[in-house]
Amino acid sequence: MSDFKCNKCGLTPGEPTGAAGLALEPMSKADIPVFNDYWNRVMTVTCRSCWAEWKDMEVKIINEYRLNMLEREHRQMLRKYMKDFLNLDGTSKTTGMMPTEVATNLT
C-alpha cells in the first residue's frame, strides 16, 4: 500500500501529520464496521487519524440532528456528511469542515 494517499488530509505514509508529528497509517479491516465494496473504498482513501476525527464528528452530527439510525433517510444523511467530511470521491469543497448548522450551534 505504498501508493496510499488520504483524500482528507492529502498526506502519504512517511509524512508527519500536524503538530503531533504522528506517522500516517492507512485504515485496516479492524477499523471499519462492515467489510464490503463501499467500506473497502472508504478504507483505501482514509487514514486512521482522519477516521478518528470523523468518528468524533459523527457523534456530534447524530446528536445535533437527533438522527435515528433506524430511519433510512437519517442513515443517508449521515453517509452524505461522511462523504463530504472525508472527501471520499475527491471532489468535496468542504473537506474536514463541520456542517454549517452543527458548526454554528457548537460555537
PDB file of N, CA and C in Angstrom:
ATOM      1  N   MET A   1       0.829  -1.189   0.000  1.00  0.00           N
ATOM      2  CA  MET A   1       0.000   0.000   0.000  1.00  0.00           C
ATOM      3  C   MET A   1       0.872   1.250   0.000  1.00  0.00           C
ATOM      4  N   SER A   2       1.951   1.228  -0.750  1.00  0.00           N
ATOM      5  CA  SER A   2       2.880   2.342  -0.783  1.00  0.00           C
ATOM      6  C   SER A   2       2.319   3.552  -1.518  1.00  0.00           C
ATOM      7  N   ASP A   3       1.289   3.361  -2.361  1.00  0.00           N
ATOM      8  CA  ASP A   3       0.712   4.477  -3.088  1.00  0.00           C
ATOM      9  C   ASP A   3      -0.479   5.092  -2.358  1.00  0.00           C
ATOM     10  N   PHE A   4      -0.674   4.763  -1.104  1.00  0.00           N
ATOM     11  CA  PHE A   4      -1.787   5.289  -0.310  1.00  0.00           C
ATOM     12  C   PHE A   4      -1.658   6.801  -0.123  1.00  0.00           C
ATOM     13  N   LYS A   5      -2.775   7.499  -0.293  1.00  0.00           N
ATOM     14  CA  LYS A   5      -2.852   8.931  -0.008  1.00  0.00           C
ATOM     15  C   LYS A   5      -4.234   9.209   0.551  1.00  0.00           C
ATOM     16  N   CYS A   6      -4.277   9.870   1.686  1.00  0.00           N
ATOM     17  CA  CYS A   6      -5.548  10.189   2.332  1.00  0.00           C
ATOM     18  C   CYS A   6      -6.226  11.336   1.571  1.00  0.00           C
ATOM     19  N   ASN A   7      -7.500  11.155   1.207  1.00  0.00           N
ATOM     20  CA  ASN A   7      -8.222  12.202   0.482  1.00  0.00           C
ATOM     21  C   ASN A   7      -8.505  13.417   1.349  1.00  0.00           C
ATOM     22  N   LYS A   8      -8.652  13.232   2.656  1.00  0.00           N
ATOM     23  CA  LYS A   8      -8.993  14.360   3.521  1.00  0.00           C
ATOM     24  C   LYS A   8      -7.776  15.221   3.829  1.00  0.00           C
ATOM     25  N   CYS A   9      -6.735  14.629   4.368  1.00  0.00           N
ATOM     26  CA  CYS A   9      -5.564  15.424   4.773  1.00  0.00           C
ATOM     27  C   CYS A   9      -4.533  15.551   3.656  1.00  0.00           C
ATOM     28  N   GLY A  10      -4.623  14.688   2.633  1.00  0.00           N
ATOM     29  CA  GLY A  10      -3.734  14.781   1.487  1.00  0.00           C
ATOM     30  C   GLY A  10      -2.326  14.275   1.723  1.00  0.00           C
ATOM     31  N   LEU A  11      -2.095  13.627   2.848  1.00  0.00           N
ATOM     32  CA  LEU A  11      -0.753  13.142   3.164  1.00  0.00           C
ATOM     33  C   LEU A  11      -0.553  11.702   2.707  1.00  0.00           C
ATOM     34  N   THR A  12       0.693  11.329   2.546  1.00  0.00           N
ATOM     35  CA  THR A  12       1.063   9.963   2.199  1.00  0.00           C
ATOM     36  C   THR A  12       1.905   9.392   3.333  1.00  0.00           C
ATOM     37  N   PRO A  13       2.054   8.064   3.430  1.00  0.00           N
ATOM     38  CA  PRO A  13       2.871   7.489   4.506  1.00  0.00           C
ATOM     39  C   PRO A  13       4.284   8.060   4.502  1.00  0.00           C
ATOM     40  N   GLY A  14       4.801   8.277   5.682  1.00  0.00           N
ATOM     41  CA  GLY A  14       6.144   8.835   5.833  1.00  0.00           C
ATOM     42  C   GLY A  14       6.134  10.318   6.123  1.00  0.00           C
ATOM     43  N   GLU A  15       5.035  11.010   5.793  1.00  0.00           N
ATOM     44  CA  GLU A  15       4.921  12.432   6.100  1.00  0.00           C
ATOM     45  C   GLU A  15       4.368  12.591   7.513  1.00  0.00           C
ATOM     46  N   PRO A  16       4.855  13.593   8.274  1.00  0.00           N
ATOM     47  CA  PRO A  16       4.268  13.845   9.597  1.00  0.00           C
ATOM     48  C   PRO A  16       2.871  14.431   9.446  1.00  0.00           C
ATOM     49  N   THR A  17       2.008  14.151  10.424  1.00  0.00           N
ATOM     50  CA  THR A  17       0.643  14.681  10.378  1.00  0.00           C
ATOM     51  C   THR A  17       0.455  15.719  11.465  1.00  0.00           C
ATOM     52  N   GLY A  18       0.531  16.971  11.113  1.00  0.00           N
ATOM     53  CA  GLY A  18       0.232  18.052  12.033  1.00  0.00           C
ATOM     54  C   GLY A  18       1.246  18.227  13.133  1.00  0.00           C
ATOM     55  N   ALA A  19       0.795  18.898  14.199  1.00  0.00           N
ATOM     56  CA  ALA A  19       1.673  19.253  15.303  1.00  0.00           C
ATOM     57  C   ALA A  19       2.169  18.032  16.073  1.00  0.00           C
ATOM     58  N   ALA A  20       1.364  16.989  16.114  1.00  0.00           N
ATOM     59  CA  ALA A  20       1.759  15.799  16.871  1.00  0.00           C
ATOM     60  C   ALA A  20       2.899  15.056  16.185  1.00  0.00           C
ATOM     61  N   GLY A  21       3.038  15.219  14.879  1.00  0.00           N
ATOM     62  CA  GLY A  21       4.094  14.556  14.141  1.00  0.00           C
ATOM     63  C   GLY A  21       3.930  13.056  14.058  1.00  0.00           C
ATOM     64  N   LEU A  22       2.703  12.577  14.144  1.00  0.00           N
ATOM     65  CA  LEU A  22       2.442  11.146  14.081  1.00  0.00           C
ATOM     66  C   LEU A  22       2.583  10.656  12.652  1.00  0.00           C
ATOM     67  N   ALA A  23       3.026   9.434  12.488  1.00  0.00           N
ATOM     68  CA  ALA A  23       3.136   8.847  11.159  1.00  0.00           C
ATOM     69  C   ALA A  23       1.748   8.507  10.624  1.00  0.00           C
ATOM     70  N   LEU A  24       1.550   8.740   9.346  1.00  0.00           N
ATOM     71  CA  LEU A  24       0.282   8.456   8.709  1.00  0.00           C
ATOM     72  C   LEU A  24       0.126   6.950   8.534  1.00  0.00           C
ATOM     73  N   GLU A  25      -1.026   6.427   8.946  1.00  0.00           N
ATOM     74  CA  GLU A  25      -1.287   4.992   8.794  1.00  0.00           C
ATOM     75  C   GLU A  25      -2.596   4.812   8.039  1.00  0.00           C
ATOM     76  N   PRO A  26      -2.596   3.956   7.012  1.00  0.00           N
ATOM     77  CA  PRO A  26      -3.857   3.635   6.349  1.00  0.00           C
ATOM     78  C   PRO A  26      -4.769   2.878   7.309  1.00  0.00           C
ATOM     79  N   MET A  27      -6.060   2.906   7.044  1.00  0.00           N
ATOM     80  CA  MET A  27      -7.001   2.150   7.857  1.00  0.00           C
ATOM     81  C   MET A  27      -6.822   0.664   7.601  1.00  0.00           C
ATOM     82  N   SER A  28      -7.247  -0.132   8.560  1.00  0.00           N
ATOM     83  CA  SER A  28      -7.217  -1.586   8.392  1.00  0.00           C
ATOM     84  C   SER A  28      -8.644  -2.114   8.482  1.00  0.00           C
ATOM     85  N   LYS A  29      -8.818  -3.395   8.204  1.00  0.00           N
ATOM     86  CA  LYS A  29     -10.152  -4.004   8.246  1.00  0.00           C
ATOM     87  C   LYS A  29     -10.770  -3.909   9.636  1.00  0.00           C
ATOM     88  N   ALA A  30      -9.944  -3.840  10.663  1.00  0.00           N
ATOM     89  CA  ALA A  30     -10.454  -3.755  12.031  1.00  0.00           C
ATOM     90  C   ALA A  30     -11.087  -2.395  12.325  1.00  0.00           C
ATOM     91  N   ASP A  31     -10.782  -1.373  11.514  1.00  0.00           N
ATOM     92  CA  ASP A  31     -11.290  -0.021  11.754  1.00  0.00           C
ATOM     93  C   ASP A  31     -12.689   0.218  11.198  1.00  0.00           C
ATOM     94  N   ILE A  32     -13.146  -0.613  10.285  1.00  0.00           N
ATOM     95  CA  ILE A  32     -14.421  -0.351   9.626  1.00  0.00           C
ATOM     96  C   ILE A  32     -15.513  -1.278  10.148  1.00  0.00           C
ATOM     97  N   PRO A  33     -16.772  -0.801  10.127  1.00  0.00           N
ATOM     98  CA  PRO A  33     -17.862  -1.567  10.720  1.00  0.00           C
ATOM     99  C   PRO A  33     -18.243  -2.824   9.941  1.00  0.00           C
ATOM    100  N   VAL A  34     -18.260  -2.765   8.623  1.00  0.00           N
ATOM    101  CA  VAL A  34     -18.648  -3.881   7.774  1.00  0.00           C
ATOM    102  C   VAL A  34     -17.687  -3.890   6.600  1.00  0.00           C
ATOM    103  N   PHE A  35     -17.290  -5.077   6.166  1.00  0.00           N
ATOM    104  CA  PHE A  35     -16.371  -5.110   5.038  1.00  0.00           C
ATOM    105  C   PHE A  35     -17.125  -5.484   3.768  1.00  0.00           C
ATOM    106  N   ASN A  36     -17.364  -4.495   2.920  1.00  0.00           N
ATOM    107  CA  ASN A  36     -17.950  -4.703   1.597  1.00  0.00           C
ATOM    108  C   ASN A  36     -17.268  -3.725   0.641  1.00  0.00           C
ATOM    109  N   ASP A  37     -17.735  -3.620  -0.583  1.00  0.00           N
ATOM    110  CA  ASP A  37     -17.073  -2.763  -1.568  1.00  0.00           C
ATOM    111  C   ASP A  37     -17.048  -1.293  -1.147  1.00  0.00           C
ATOM    112  N   TYR A  38     -18.174  -0.805  -0.583  1.00  0.00           N
ATOM    113  CA  TYR A  38     -18.239   0.596  -0.162  1.00  0.00           C
ATOM    114  C   TYR A  38     -17.204   0.881   0.933  1.00  0.00           C
ATOM    115  N   TRP A  39     -17.188   0.052   1.947  1.00  0.00           N
ATOM    116  CA  TRP A  39     -16.262   0.287   3.058  1.00  0.00           C
ATOM    117  C   TRP A  39     -14.818   0.014   2.656  1.00  0.00           C
ATOM    118  N   ASN A  40     -14.615  -0.859   1.685  1.00  0.00           N
ATOM    119  CA  ASN A  40     -13.272  -1.067   1.158  1.00  0.00           C
ATOM    120  C   ASN A  40     -12.777   0.224   0.499  1.00  0.00           C
ATOM    121  N   ARG A  41     -13.664   0.909  -0.227  1.00  0.00           N
ATOM    122  CA  ARG A  41     -13.309   2.196  -0.854  1.00  0.00           C
ATOM    123  C   ARG A  41     -12.973   3.244   0.214  1.00  0.00           C
ATOM    124  N   VAL A  42     -13.783   3.303   1.269  1.00  0.00           N
ATOM    125  CA  VAL A  42     -13.511   4.239   2.368  1.00  0.00           C
ATOM    126  C   VAL A  42     -12.130   3.954   2.958  1.00  0.00           C
ATOM    127  N   MET A  43     -11.843   2.681   3.149  1.00  0.00           N
ATOM    128  CA  MET A  43     -10.578   2.282   3.755  1.00  0.00           C
ATOM    129  C   MET A  43      -9.376   2.655   2.879  1.00  0.00           C
ATOM    130  N   THR A  44      -9.538   2.640   1.571  1.00  0.00           N
ATOM    131  CA  THR A  44      -8.412   2.910   0.682  1.00  0.00           C
ATOM    132  C   THR A  44      -8.103   4.387   0.511  1.00  0.00           C
ATOM    133  N   VAL A  45      -9.001   5.284   0.960  1.00  0.00           N
ATOM    134  CA  VAL A  45      -8.749   6.722   0.778  1.00  0.00           C
ATOM    135  C   VAL A  45      -8.768   7.511   2.088  1.00  0.00           C
ATOM    136  N   THR A  46      -8.759   6.809   3.231  1.00  0.00           N
ATOM    137  CA  THR A  46      -8.851   7.480   4.525  1.00  0.00           C
ATOM    138  C   THR A  46      -7.791   6.937   5.479  1.00  0.00           C
ATOM    139  N   CYS A  47      -7.073   7.843   6.143  1.00  0.00           N
ATOM    140  CA  CYS A  47      -6.083   7.412   7.132  1.00  0.00           C
ATOM    141  C   CYS A  47      -6.756   7.264   8.505  1.00  0.00           C
ATOM    142  N   ARG A  48      -6.056   6.628   9.426  1.00  0.00           N
ATOM    143  CA  ARG A  48      -6.626   6.378  10.755  1.00  0.00           C
ATOM    144  C   ARG A  48      -6.926   7.657  11.515  1.00  0.00           C
ATOM    145  N   SER A  49      -6.068   8.668  11.416  1.00  0.00           N
ATOM    146  CA  SER A  49      -6.310   9.900  12.177  1.00  0.00           C
ATOM    147  C   SER A  49      -7.539  10.638  11.642  1.00  0.00           C
ATOM    148  N   CYS A  50      -7.733  10.650  10.324  1.00  0.00           N
ATOM    149  CA  CYS A  50      -8.924  11.291   9.753  1.00  0.00           C
ATOM    150  C   CYS A  50     -10.176  10.488  10.091  1.00  0.00           C
ATOM    151  N   TRP A  51     -10.050   9.159  10.132  1.00  0.00           N
ATOM    152  CA  TRP A  51     -11.185   8.321  10.524  1.00  0.00           C
ATOM    153  C   TRP A  51     -11.573   8.604  11.968  1.00  0.00           C
ATOM    154  N   ALA A  52     -10.600   8.784  12.835  1.00  0.00           N
ATOM    155  CA  ALA A  52     -10.880   9.109  14.239  1.00  0.00           C
ATOM    156  C   ALA A  52     -11.568  10.467  14.345  1.00  0.00           C
ATOM    157  N   GLU A  53     -11.141  11.439  13.533  1.00  0.00           N
ATOM    158  CA  GLU A  53     -11.811  12.752  13.508  1.00  0.00           C
ATOM    159  C   GLU A  53     -13.254  12.587  13.076  1.00  0.00           C
ATOM    160  N   TRP A  54     -13.484  11.756  12.056  1.00  0.00           N
ATOM    161  CA  TRP A  54     -14.848  11.537  11.587  1.00  0.00           C
ATOM    162  C   TRP A  54     -15.702  10.894  12.672  1.00  0.00           C
ATOM    163  N   LYS A  55     -15.176   9.919  13.395  1.00  0.00           N
ATOM    164  CA  LYS A  55     -15.962   9.256  14.435  1.00  0.00           C
ATOM    165  C   LYS A  55     -16.422  10.258  15.495  1.00  0.00           C
ATOM    166  N   ASP A  56     -15.571  11.214  15.847  1.00  0.00           N
ATOM    167  CA  ASP A  56     -15.975  12.261  16.789  1.00  0.00           C
ATOM    168  C   ASP A  56     -17.059  13.144  16.180  1.00  0.00           C
ATOM    169  N   MET A  57     -16.875  13.521  14.916  1.00  0.00           N
ATOM    170  CA  MET A  57     -17.856  14.368  14.235  1.00  0.00           C
ATOM    171  C   MET A  57     -19.177  13.645  14.042  1.00  0.00           C
ATOM    172  N   GLU A  58     -19.103  12.343  13.790  1.00  0.00           N
ATOM    173  CA  GLU A  58     -20.308  11.544  13.599  1.00  0.00           C
ATOM    174  C   GLU A  58     -21.223  11.629  14.820  1.00  0.00           C
ATOM    175  N   VAL A  59     -20.652  11.527  15.996  1.00  0.00           N
ATOM    176  CA  VAL A  59     -21.436  11.616  17.231  1.00  0.00           C
ATOM    177  C   VAL A  59     -22.095  12.991  17.341  1.00  0.00           C
ATOM    178  N   LYS A  60     -21.352  14.044  17.012  1.00  0.00           N
ATOM    179  CA  LYS A  60     -21.908  15.406  17.072  1.00  0.00           C
ATOM    180  C   LYS A  60     -23.071  15.573  16.104  1.00  0.00           C
ATOM    181  N   ILE A  61     -22.930  15.042  14.891  1.00  0.00           N
ATOM    182  CA  ILE A  61     -23.992  15.164  13.890  1.00  0.00           C
ATOM    183  C   ILE A  61     -25.226  14.377  14.314  1.00  0.00           C
ATOM    184  N   ILE A  62     -25.028  13.155  14.785  1.00  0.00           N
ATOM    185  CA  ILE A  62     -26.166  12.345  15.235  1.00  0.00           C
ATOM    186  C   ILE A  62     -26.903  13.053  16.364  1.00  0.00           C
ATOM    187  N   ASN A  63     -26.176  13.603  17.310  1.00  0.00           N
ATOM    188  CA  ASN A  63     -26.820  14.285  18.431  1.00  0.00           C
ATOM    189  C   ASN A  63     -27.469  15.596  18.016  1.00  0.00           C
ATOM    190  N   GLU A  64     -26.795  16.390  17.202  1.00  0.00           N
ATOM    191  CA  GLU A  64     -27.321  17.695  16.814  1.00  0.00           C
ATOM    192  C   GLU A  64     -28.604  17.571  15.997  1.00  0.00           C
ATOM    193  N   TYR A  65     -28.609  16.653  15.045  1.00  0.00           N
ATOM    194  CA  TYR A  65     -29.785  16.476  14.198  1.00  0.00           C
ATOM    195  C   TYR A  65     -30.767  15.453  14.761  1.00  0.00           C
ATOM    196  N   ARG A  66     -30.410  14.864  15.896  1.00  0.00           N
ATOM    197  CA  ARG A  66     -31.244  13.837  16.534  1.00  0.00           C
ATOM    198  C   ARG A  66     -31.599  12.736  15.537  1.00  0.00           C
ATOM    199  N   LEU A  67     -30.554  12.227  14.906  1.00  0.00           N
ATOM    200  CA  LEU A  67     -30.749  11.197  13.892  1.00  0.00           C
ATOM    201  C   LEU A  67     -31.084   9.859  14.531  1.00  0.00           C
ATOM    202  N   ASN A  68     -31.973   9.147  13.899  1.00  0.00           N
ATOM    203  CA  ASN A  68     -32.366   7.805  14.316  1.00  0.00           C
ATOM    204  C   ASN A  68     -31.830   6.850  13.252  1.00  0.00           C
ATOM    205  N   MET A  69     -30.884   6.014  13.603  1.00  0.00           N
ATOM    206  CA  MET A  69     -30.242   5.149  12.625  1.00  0.00           C
ATOM    207  C   MET A  69     -31.161   4.046  12.111  1.00  0.00           C
ATOM    208  N   LEU A  70     -32.374   3.934  12.657  1.00  0.00           N
ATOM    209  CA  LEU A  70     -33.358   3.009  12.104  1.00  0.00           C
ATOM    210  C   LEU A  70     -34.042   3.603  10.878  1.00  0.00           C
ATOM    211  N   GLU A  71     -33.970   4.929  10.726  1.00  0.00           N
ATOM    212  CA  GLU A  71     -34.590   5.617   9.590  1.00  0.00           C
ATOM    213  C   GLU A  71     -33.623   5.670   8.416  1.00  0.00           C
ATOM    214  N   ARG A  72     -34.089   5.198   7.267  1.00  0.00           N
ATOM    215  CA  ARG A  72     -33.236   5.173   6.081  1.00  0.00           C
ATOM    216  C   ARG A  72     -32.739   6.564   5.697  1.00  0.00           C
ATOM    217  N   GLU A  73     -33.614   7.567   5.748  1.00  0.00           N
ATOM    218  CA  GLU A  73     -33.237   8.929   5.384  1.00  0.00           C
ATOM    219  C   GLU A  73     -32.141   9.473   6.307  1.00  0.00           C
ATOM    220  N   HIS A  74     -32.205   9.111   7.564  1.00  0.00           N
ATOM    221  CA  HIS A  74     -31.198   9.570   8.525  1.00  0.00           C
ATOM    222  C   HIS A  74     -29.846   8.918   8.240  1.00  0.00           C
ATOM    223  N   ARG A  75     -29.856   7.641   7.906  1.00  0.00           N
ATOM    224  CA  ARG A  75     -28.603   6.963   7.542  1.00  0.00           C
ATOM    225  C   ARG A  75     -28.004   7.573   6.282  1.00  0.00           C
ATOM    226  N   GLN A  76     -28.863   7.890   5.311  1.00  0.00           N
ATOM    227  CA  GLN A  76     -28.383   8.515   4.076  1.00  0.00           C
ATOM    228  C   GLN A  76     -27.789   9.892   4.357  1.00  0.00           C
ATOM    229  N   MET A  77     -28.414  10.638   5.238  1.00  0.00           N
ATOM    230  CA  MET A  77     -27.913  11.965   5.607  1.00  0.00           C
ATOM    231  C   MET A  77     -26.534  11.851   6.263  1.00  0.00           C
ATOM    232  N   LEU A  78     -26.385  10.908   7.166  1.00  0.00           N
ATOM    233  CA  LEU A  78     -25.101  10.720   7.833  1.00  0.00           C
ATOM    234  C   LEU A  78     -24.030  10.278   6.841  1.00  0.00           C
ATOM    235  N   ARG A  79     -24.395   9.419   5.917  1.00  0.00           N
ATOM    236  CA  ARG A  79     -23.439   8.972   4.893  1.00  0.00           C
ATOM    237  C   ARG A  79     -23.013  10.141   4.002  1.00  0.00           C
ATOM    238  N   LYS A  80     -23.935  11.048   3.687  1.00  0.00           N
ATOM    239  CA  LYS A  80     -23.610  12.229   2.888  1.00  0.00           C
ATOM    240  C   LYS A  80     -22.589  13.099   3.623  1.00  0.00           C
ATOM    241  N   TYR A  81     -22.815  13.314   4.922  1.00  0.00           N
ATOM    242  CA  TYR A  81     -21.865  14.104   5.706  1.00  0.00           C
ATOM    243  C   TYR A  81     -20.506  13.418   5.781  1.00  0.00           C
ATOM    244  N   MET A  82     -20.504  12.088   5.909  1.00  0.00           N
ATOM    245  CA  MET A  82     -19.238  11.357   5.941  1.00  0.00           C
ATOM    246  C   MET A  82     -18.504  11.517   4.616  1.00  0.00           C
ATOM    247  N   LYS A  83     -19.235  11.412   3.513  1.00  0.00           N
ATOM    248  CA  LYS A  83     -18.634  11.552   2.189  1.00  0.00           C
ATOM    249  C   LYS A  83     -17.984  12.927   2.040  1.00  0.00           C
ATOM    250  N   ASP A  84     -18.686  13.974   2.488  1.00  0.00           N
ATOM    251  CA  ASP A  84     -18.140  15.332   2.405  1.00  0.00           C
ATOM    252  C   ASP A  84     -16.970  15.533   3.359  1.00  0.00           C
ATOM    253  N   PHE A  85     -17.101  15.065   4.587  1.00  0.00           N
ATOM    254  CA  PHE A  85     -16.068  15.279   5.604  1.00  0.00           C
ATOM    255  C   PHE A  85     -14.767  14.590   5.225  1.00  0.00           C
ATOM    256  N   LEU A  86     -14.859  13.353   4.748  1.00  0.00           N
ATOM    257  CA  LEU A  86     -13.663  12.579   4.407  1.00  0.00           C
ATOM    258  C   LEU A  86     -13.236  12.745   2.946  1.00  0.00           C
ATOM    259  N   ASN A  87     -14.023  13.489   2.161  1.00  0.00           N
ATOM    260  CA  ASN A  87     -13.715  13.718   0.748  1.00  0.00           C
ATOM    261  C   ASN A  87     -13.534  12.381   0.026  1.00  0.00           C
ATOM    262  N   LEU A  88     -14.497  11.497   0.182  1.00  0.00           N
ATOM    263  CA  LEU A  88     -14.371  10.141  -0.355  1.00  0.00           C
ATOM    264  C   LEU A  88     -14.263  10.099  -1.869  1.00  0.00           C
ATOM    265  N   ASP A  89     -14.935  11.000  -2.561  1.00  0.00           N
ATOM    266  CA  ASP A  89     -14.871  10.986  -4.021  1.00  0.00           C
ATOM    267  C   ASP A  89     -13.834  11.958  -4.575  1.00  0.00           C
ATOM    268  N   GLY A  90     -13.163  12.691  -3.700  1.00  0.00           N
ATOM    269  CA  GLY A  90     -12.109  13.602  -4.129  1.00  0.00           C
ATOM    270  C   GLY A  90     -12.594  14.918  -4.698  1.00  0.00           C
ATOM    271  N   THR A  91     -13.889  15.224  -4.568  1.00  0.00           N
ATOM    272  CA  THR A  91     -14.427  16.451  -5.150  1.00  0.00           C
ATOM    273  C   THR A  91     -15.010  17.417  -4.131  1.00  0.00           C
ATOM    274  N   SER A  92     -14.973  17.089  -2.855  1.00  0.00           N
ATOM    275  CA  SER A  92     -15.606  17.910  -1.830  1.00  0.00           C
ATOM    276  C   SER A  92     -14.903  19.253  -1.654  1.00  0.00           C
ATOM    277  N   LYS A  93     -15.693  20.310  -1.596  1.00  0.00           N
ATOM    278  CA  LYS A  93     -15.156  21.651  -1.348  1.00  0.00           C
ATOM    279  C   LYS A  93     -15.069  21.949   0.151  1.00  0.00           C
ATOM    280  N   THR A  94     -15.770  21.147   0.962  1.00  0.00           N
ATOM    281  CA  THR A  94     -15.845  21.389   2.399  1.00  0.00           C
ATOM    282  C   THR A  94     -15.147  20.294   3.182  1.00  0.00           C
ATOM    283  N   THR A  95     -14.122  19.696   2.633  1.00  0.00           N
ATOM    284  CA  THR A  95     -13.437  18.581   3.277  1.00  0.00           C
ATOM    285  C   THR A  95     -12.983  18.947   4.682  1.00  0.00           C
ATOM    286  N   GLY A  96     -13.371  18.136   5.647  1.00  0.00           N
ATOM    287  CA  GLY A  96     -12.943  18.324   7.018  1.00  0.00           C
ATOM    288  C   GLY A  96     -13.735  19.349   7.795  1.00  0.00           C
ATOM    289  N   MET A  97     -14.658  20.020   7.138  1.00  0.00           N
ATOM    290  CA  MET A  97     -15.455  21.025   7.846  1.00  0.00           C
ATOM    291  C   MET A  97     -16.706  20.391   8.423  1.00  0.00           C
ATOM    292  N   MET A  98     -17.186  21.000   9.492  1.00  0.00           N
ATOM    293  CA  MET A  98     -18.436  20.549  10.066  1.00  0.00           C
ATOM    294  C   MET A  98     -19.583  21.095   9.227  1.00  0.00           C
ATOM    295  N   PRO A  99     -20.719  20.426   9.224  1.00  0.00           N
ATOM    296  CA  PRO A  99     -21.885  21.014   8.565  1.00  0.00           C
ATOM    297  C   PRO A  99     -22.181  22.376   9.192  1.00  0.00           C
ATOM    298  N   THR A 100     -22.632  23.319   8.395  1.00  0.00           N
ATOM    299  CA  THR A 100     -22.823  24.696   8.840  1.00  0.00           C
ATOM    300  C   THR A 100     -23.683  24.784  10.094  1.00  0.00           C
ATOM    301  N   GLU A 101     -24.789  24.069  10.112  1.00  0.00           N
ATOM    302  CA  GLU A 101     -25.691  24.133  11.268  1.00  0.00           C
ATOM    303  C   GLU A 101     -25.015  23.596  12.522  1.00  0.00           C
ATOM    304  N   VAL A 102     -24.254  22.533  12.380  1.00  0.00           N
ATOM    305  CA  VAL A 102     -23.562  21.967  13.534  1.00  0.00           C
ATOM    306  C   VAL A 102     -22.508  22.947  14.022  1.00  0.00           C
ATOM    307  N   ALA A 103     -21.757  23.544  13.106  1.00  0.00           N
ATOM    308  CA  ALA A 103     -20.691  24.470  13.478  1.00  0.00           C
ATOM    309  C   ALA A 103     -21.252  25.686  14.222  1.00  0.00           C
ATOM    310  N   THR A 104     -22.359  26.233  13.756  1.00  0.00           N
ATOM    311  CA  THR A 104     -22.911  27.423  14.415  1.00  0.00           C
ATOM    312  C   THR A 104     -23.451  27.097  15.796  1.00  0.00           C
ATOM    313  N   ASN A 105     -23.972  25.903  15.972  1.00  0.00           N
ATOM    314  CA  ASN A 105     -24.500  25.527  17.286  1.00  0.00           C
ATOM    315  C   ASN A 105     -23.405  25.161  18.288  1.00  0.00           C
ATOM    316  N   LEU A 106     -22.234  24.793  17.798  1.00  0.00           N
ATOM    317  CA  LEU A 106     -21.146  24.418  18.696  1.00  0.00           C
ATOM    318  C   LEU A 106     -20.328  25.622  19.163  1.00  0.00           C
ATOM    319  N   THR A 107     -20.441  26.759  18.465  1.00  0.00           N
ATOM    320  CA  THR A 107     -19.651  27.932  18.834  1.00  0.00           C
ATOM    321  C   THR A 107     -20.429  28.886  19.676  1.00  0.00           C
TER     322      THR A 107
END
